[in-house]
Amino acid sequence: MERFCRNCLFDSFSREQLQQNIQDYIQSLSPEDKAGERLYEQRLVICNQCDQCLDGLCRVCGCFVLARAAKNRACCPAFNRKW
């Protein structure tokens, strides 16, 4: 089975469309499922400094880091979890 880069799969979307979809997803999370603003910002700082983060995508699992960081019970997918 051939695997595709998620970034390549979304080439038909503009960056603005992707950002809007991610923001819509985050807004759809229930208050119980959404990380607090401070925690969210801390996670994004860590992800953005990680060498496995490339253009907002986690190279470990392929997720959009903005979406993963927004979920209260989510964790870093790296072997040595950073958050």
Protein backbone atom coordinates (compact mmCIF):
# COMPACT_ATOMS: atom_id res chain seq x y z
CA MET A 1 0.00 0.00 0.00
CA GLU A 2 1.41 3.35 -1.01
CA ARG A 3 1.49 6.08 1.62
CA PHE A 4 1.05 9.76 0.89
CA CYS A 5 2.28 12.79 2.75
CA ARG A 6 -0.68 14.54 4.38
CA ASN A 7 0.74 17.84 3.20
CA CYS A 8 0.57 16.55 -0.39
CA LEU A 9 -2.96 15.23 0.05
CA PHE A 10 -4.09 18.71 0.98
CA ASP A 11 -2.47 20.45 -2.00
CA SER A 12 -5.93 21.09 -3.43
CA PHE A 13 -6.74 23.24 -0.39
CA SER A 14 -5.32 26.66 0.18
CA ARG A 15 -3.39 27.27 3.37
CA GLU A 16 -6.24 29.54 4.47
CA GLN A 17 -8.79 26.75 3.93
CA LEU A 18 -6.69 24.34 5.99
CA GLN A 19 -6.28 26.89 8.78
CA GLN A 20 -10.03 27.52 8.78
CA ASN A 21 -10.77 23.77 8.92
CA ILE A 22 -8.41 23.35 11.85
CA GLN A 23 -9.94 26.33 13.66
CA ASP A 24 -13.44 24.96 13.00
CA TYR A 25 -12.35 21.61 14.45
CA ILE A 26 -10.91 23.28 17.56
CA GLN A 27 -14.08 25.33 18.03
CA SER A 28 -16.18 22.16 17.74
CA LEU A 29 -14.46 20.56 20.74
CA SER A 30 -16.56 20.49 23.86
CA PRO A 31 -15.25 22.50 26.83
CA GLU A 32 -14.35 19.22 28.57
CA ASP A 33 -12.32 18.06 25.58
CA LYS A 34 -10.56 21.36 24.91
CA ALA A 35 -7.24 22.22 26.54
CA GLY A 36 -7.10 25.54 28.38
CA GLU A 37 -5.56 28.47 26.52
CA ARG A 38 -2.39 28.48 28.64
CA LEU A 39 -1.83 24.73 28.20
CA TYR A 40 -2.55 25.02 24.47
CA GLU A 41 0.01 27.81 24.05
CA GLN A 42 2.63 25.88 26.07
CA ARG A 43 2.14 22.81 23.88
CA LEU A 44 2.47 24.85 20.69
CA VAL A 45 5.74 26.38 21.89
CA ILE A 46 7.11 22.90 22.55
CA CYS A 47 5.90 21.56 19.20
CA ASN A 48 7.25 24.52 17.25
CA GLN A 49 10.70 23.96 18.78
CA CYS A 50 10.63 20.23 17.99
CA ASP A 51 12.70 18.97 15.06
CA GLN A 52 9.82 16.60 14.22
CA CYS A 53 7.46 19.51 13.47
CA LEU A 54 7.45 20.54 9.82
CA ASP A 55 5.09 23.26 8.58
CA GLY A 56 2.59 22.54 11.35
CA LEU A 57 2.61 18.77 10.82
CA CYS A 58 4.05 16.26 13.27
CA ARG A 59 6.46 13.99 11.41
CA VAL A 60 6.01 11.29 14.08
CA CYS A 61 2.27 10.75 13.57
CA GLY A 62 1.27 13.13 10.75
CA CYS A 63 -1.21 15.16 12.79
CA PHE A 64 -1.75 18.88 12.59
CA VAL A 65 -0.10 20.11 15.79
CA LEU A 66 -2.64 22.92 16.21
CA ALA A 67 -5.41 20.32 16.42
CA ARG A 68 -3.56 17.84 18.66
CA ALA A 69 -2.46 20.53 21.11
CA ALA A 70 -6.06 21.73 21.46
CA LYS A 71 -7.32 18.41 22.82
CA ASN A 72 -7.21 18.19 26.59
CA ARG A 73 -6.31 14.49 26.77
CA ALA A 74 -3.91 14.44 23.82
CA CYS A 75 -0.20 13.91 24.29
CA CYS A 76 2.94 14.23 22.25
CA PRO A 77 3.26 11.13 20.04
CA ALA A 78 7.06 11.01 20.21
CA PHE A 79 8.74 8.13 22.02
CA ASN A 80 10.12 10.58 24.57
CA ARG A 81 6.90 12.56 24.98
CA LYS A 82 7.56 16.25 25.34
CA TRP A 83 4.11 17.04 26.73
